[in-house]
C-alpha atoms as a PDB file:
ATOM      1  CA  MET A   1      22.176  -4.205  -9.526  1.00  0.00           C
ATOM      2  CA  LEU A   2      22.925  -4.431  -5.809  1.00  0.00           C
ATOM      3  CA  LYS A   3      21.328  -1.682  -3.683  1.00  0.00           C
ATOM      4  CA  ASN A   4      21.784  -0.789  -0.033  1.00  0.00           C
ATOM      5  CA  VAL A   5      19.160   1.731   1.086  1.00  0.00           C
ATOM      6  CA  ASN A   6      18.201   3.116   4.496  1.00  0.00           C
ATOM      7  CA  TRP A   7      14.545   4.224   4.751  1.00  0.00           C
ATOM      8  CA  ASP A   8      15.668   7.516   6.335  1.00  0.00           C
ATOM      9  CA  SER A   9      17.503   8.392   3.097  1.00  0.00           C
ATOM     10  CA  VAL A  10      14.437   7.815   0.889  1.00  0.00           C
ATOM     11  CA  PRO A  11      12.455  11.002   0.123  1.00  0.00           C
ATOM     12  CA  ILE A  12       8.946  11.168   1.598  1.00  0.00           C
ATOM     13  CA  GLU A  13       6.216  11.788  -0.955  1.00  0.00           C
ATOM     14  CA  GLU A  14       2.970  13.377   0.265  1.00  0.00           C
ATOM     15  CA  VAL A  15       0.417  11.715  -2.016  1.00  0.00           C
ATOM     16  CA  ASN A  16      -2.473  13.548  -0.335  1.00  0.00           C
ATOM     17  CA  PRO A  17      -2.940  15.173   3.105  1.00  0.00           C
ATOM     18  CA  SER A  18      -3.670  11.752   4.686  1.00  0.00           C
ATOM     19  CA  MET A  19      -1.030   9.606   2.940  1.00  0.00           C
ATOM     20  CA  LYS A  20       2.762   9.756   2.853  1.00  0.00           C
ATOM     21  CA  ARG A  21       5.061   7.138   1.342  1.00  0.00           C
ATOM     22  CA  ARG A  22       8.642   6.203   0.600  1.00  0.00           C
ATOM     23  CA  ILE A  23       9.392   3.868  -2.309  1.00  0.00           C
ATOM     24  CA  VAL A  24      12.323   1.594  -3.092  1.00  0.00           C
ATOM     25  CA  THR A  25      12.252  -0.331  -6.346  1.00  0.00           C
ATOM     26  CA  GLY A  26      14.206  -3.110  -7.915  1.00  0.00           C
ATOM     27  CA  GLU A  27      13.977  -4.641 -11.359  1.00  0.00           C
ATOM     28  CA  LYS A  28      11.163  -7.092 -10.527  1.00  0.00           C
ATOM     29  CA  LEU A  29       9.595  -5.797  -7.307  1.00  0.00           C
ATOM     30  CA  MET A  30       8.852  -2.636  -5.377  1.00  0.00           C
ATOM     31  CA  ILE A  31       8.421  -1.876  -1.681  1.00  0.00           C
ATOM     32  CA  ALA A  32       6.765   1.152  -0.093  1.00  0.00           C
ATOM     33  CA  ARG A  33       6.716   2.267   3.530  1.00  0.00           C
ATOM     34  CA  MET A  34       3.576   4.314   4.156  1.00  0.00           C
ATOM     35  CA  ASN A  35       1.874   6.388   6.825  1.00  0.00           C
ATOM     36  CA  PHE A  36      -1.861   7.078   6.785  1.00  0.00           C
ATOM     37  CA  LYS A  37      -4.066   9.228   8.968  1.00  0.00           C
ATOM     38  CA  ASP A  38      -7.045   7.734  10.787  1.00  0.00           C
ATOM     39  CA  GLY A  39     -10.080   7.299   8.562  1.00  0.00           C
ATOM     40  CA  PHE A  40      -8.278   7.364   5.213  1.00  0.00           C
ATOM     41  CA  LEU A  41      -9.954   5.077   2.682  1.00  0.00           C
ATOM     42  CA  VAL A  42      -8.020   3.503  -0.175  1.00  0.00           C
ATOM     43  CA  PRO A  43     -10.843   3.164  -2.727  1.00  0.00           C
ATOM     44  CA  LEU A  44     -11.785  -0.144  -4.324  1.00  0.00           C
ATOM     45  CA  HIS A  45      -9.252  -0.906  -7.047  1.00  0.00           C
ATOM     46  CA  SER A  46      -7.330  -3.764  -8.616  1.00  0.00           C
ATOM     47  CA  HIS A  47      -4.041  -4.167 -10.462  1.00  0.00           C
ATOM     48  CA  ILE A  48      -1.973  -6.819 -12.179  1.00  0.00           C
ATOM     49  CA  HIS A  49       0.560  -6.762  -9.351  1.00  0.00           C
ATOM     50  CA  GLU A  50       0.717  -9.351  -6.608  1.00  0.00           C
ATOM     51  CA  GLN A  51       0.768  -7.409  -3.320  1.00  0.00           C
ATOM     52  CA  VAL A  52       1.943  -8.190   0.207  1.00  0.00           C
ATOM     53  CA  THR A  53       0.774  -5.789   2.951  1.00  0.00           C
ATOM     54  CA  GLN A  54       2.404  -5.778   6.401  1.00  0.00           C
ATOM     55  CA  VAL A  55       0.882  -3.675   9.189  1.00  0.00           C
ATOM     56  CA  VAL A  56       3.463  -2.069  11.494  1.00  0.00           C
ATOM     57  CA  SER A  57       1.101   0.004  13.673  1.00  0.00           C
ATOM     58  CA  GLY A  58      -2.593   0.833  13.743  1.00  0.00           C
ATOM     59  CA  LYS A  59      -5.289  -1.285  12.106  1.00  0.00           C
ATOM     60  CA  MET A  60      -6.498  -1.744   8.545  1.00  0.00           C
ATOM     61  CA  ARG A  61      -9.887  -3.095   7.522  1.00  0.00           C
ATOM     62  CA  PHE A  62      -9.829  -4.651   4.054  1.00  0.00           C
ATOM     63  CA  TRP A  63     -12.654  -5.618   1.727  1.00  0.00           C
ATOM     64  CA  PHE A  64     -11.977  -8.002  -1.154  1.00  0.00           C
ATOM     65  CA  GLY A  65     -13.913  -8.807  -4.317  1.00  0.00           C
ATOM     66  CA  ALA A  66     -15.844  -6.707  -6.826  1.00  0.00           C
ATOM     67  CA  ASN A  67     -18.795  -6.561  -4.399  1.00  0.00           C
ATOM     68  CA  LYS A  68     -16.581  -6.464  -1.284  1.00  0.00           C
ATOM     69  CA  GLU A  69     -17.856  -9.918  -0.336  1.00  0.00           C
ATOM     70  CA  GLN A  70     -14.915 -10.755   1.965  1.00  0.00           C
ATOM     71  CA  SER A  71     -13.499  -8.579   4.751  1.00  0.00           C
ATOM     72  CA  MET A  72     -10.494  -8.815   7.038  1.00  0.00           C
ATOM     73  CA  GLU A  73      -9.024  -6.667   9.801  1.00  0.00           C
ATOM     74  CA  LEU A  74      -5.256  -6.516  10.217  1.00  0.00           C
ATOM     75  CA  GLY A  75      -3.272  -5.213  13.169  1.00  0.00           C
ATOM     76  CA  PRO A  76       0.416  -4.845  13.998  1.00  0.00           C
ATOM     77  CA  GLY A  77       2.396  -7.846  12.790  1.00  0.00           C
ATOM     78  CA  ASP A  78      -0.337  -9.093  10.446  1.00  0.00           C
ATOM     79  CA  VAL A  79       0.446  -9.742   6.786  1.00  0.00           C
ATOM     80  CA  VAL A  80      -1.930 -10.349   3.870  1.00  0.00           C
ATOM     81  CA  VAL A  81      -1.025 -11.609   0.397  1.00  0.00           C
ATOM     82  CA  ILE A  82      -3.339 -10.113  -2.243  1.00  0.00           C
ATOM     83  CA  PRO A  83      -3.394 -11.995  -5.553  1.00  0.00           C
ATOM     84  CA  SER A  84      -3.093 -10.242  -8.890  1.00  0.00           C
ATOM     85  CA  ASN A  85      -6.311  -8.576 -10.168  1.00  0.00           C
ATOM     86  CA  LEU A  86      -8.308  -9.076  -6.921  1.00  0.00           C
ATOM     87  CA  PRO A  87     -10.345  -5.895  -6.231  1.00  0.00           C
ATOM     88  CA  HIS A  88      -9.613  -4.531  -2.748  1.00  0.00           C
ATOM     89  CA  GLU A  89     -10.362  -1.522  -0.539  1.00  0.00           C
ATOM     90  CA  ALA A  90      -8.789  -0.541   2.798  1.00  0.00           C
ATOM     91  CA  LEU A  91      -9.865   1.710   5.672  1.00  0.00           C
ATOM     92  CA  MET A  92      -7.327   3.005   8.193  1.00  0.00           C
ATOM     93  CA  ILE A  93      -8.419   2.591  11.802  1.00  0.00           C
ATOM     94  CA  GLY A  94      -6.231   4.926  13.799  1.00  0.00           C
ATOM     95  CA  ASP A  95      -3.016   6.277  12.338  1.00  0.00           C
ATOM     96  CA  VAL A  96      -1.401   3.468  10.362  1.00  0.00           C
ATOM     97  CA  GLU A  97       2.142   2.613   9.359  1.00  0.00           C
ATOM     98  CA  GLU A  98       2.430  -0.241   6.894  1.00  0.00           C
ATOM     99  CA  VAL A  99       4.738  -1.716   4.280  1.00  0.00           C
ATOM    100  CA  ASP A 100       3.528  -2.915   0.872  1.00  0.00           C
ATOM    101  CA  THR A 101       5.507  -4.979  -1.608  1.00  0.00           C
ATOM    102  CA  TRP A 102       4.456  -5.527  -5.241  1.00  0.00           C
ATOM    103  CA  ALA A 103       5.696  -7.620  -8.115  1.00  0.00           C
ATOM    104  CA  PRO A 104       6.204  -6.291 -10.703  1.00  0.00           C
ATOM    105  CA  PRO A 105       6.855  -2.643  -9.686  1.00  0.00           C
ATOM    106  CA  ARG A 106       3.867  -0.263  -9.797  1.00  0.00           C
ATOM    107  CA  GLN A 107       4.549   2.048 -12.740  1.00  0.00           C
ATOM    108  CA  ASP A 108       1.495   4.170 -11.808  1.00  0.00           C
ATOM    109  CA  TRP A 109       3.095   4.914  -8.424  1.00  0.00           C
ATOM    110  CA  LEU A 110       6.452   5.702 -10.007  1.00  0.00           C
ATOM    111  CA  ASP A 111       5.083   8.090 -12.651  1.00  0.00           C
ATOM    112  CA  GLY A 112       2.348   9.705 -10.494  1.00  0.00           C
ATOM    113  CA  SER A 113      -0.612   8.373 -12.486  1.00  0.00           C
ATOM    114  CA  ASP A 114      -2.134   6.719  -9.369  1.00  0.00           C
ATOM    115  CA  HIS A 115      -5.059   9.177  -9.456  1.00  0.00           C
ATOM    116  CA  TYR A 116      -7.307   7.018  -7.236  1.00  0.00           C
ATOM    117  CA  LEU A 117      -5.054   8.005  -4.299  1.00  0.00           C
ATOM    118  CA  ARG A 118      -4.475  11.653  -5.175  1.00  0.00           C
ATOM    119  CA  LYS A 119      -8.058  12.927  -4.807  1.00  0.00           C
END
């Protein structure tokens, strides 16, 4: 089904006091535009979804692997492709705007069962 969506028309969901997001989904992928407050930590987690993260503003420090053995810092314009099932954690350095894309869509985000973010 063909969709034409403007981000301004997508409702903003406040996941927690430090994270807001807007979500657009298709049949086989999902995209979210998010805003985080400085210091917010996305806890170590993994999922079956392949993920692409694009930083619009601010900086994100990522750790990858079950023991966080690899790290990476991303700034505006940087993009990282995170393979399926790779554990990852992210710290927001400054206020951050970023866009994530997943394939397939994240059912836990759509049904509100993404408890690791709602604490």
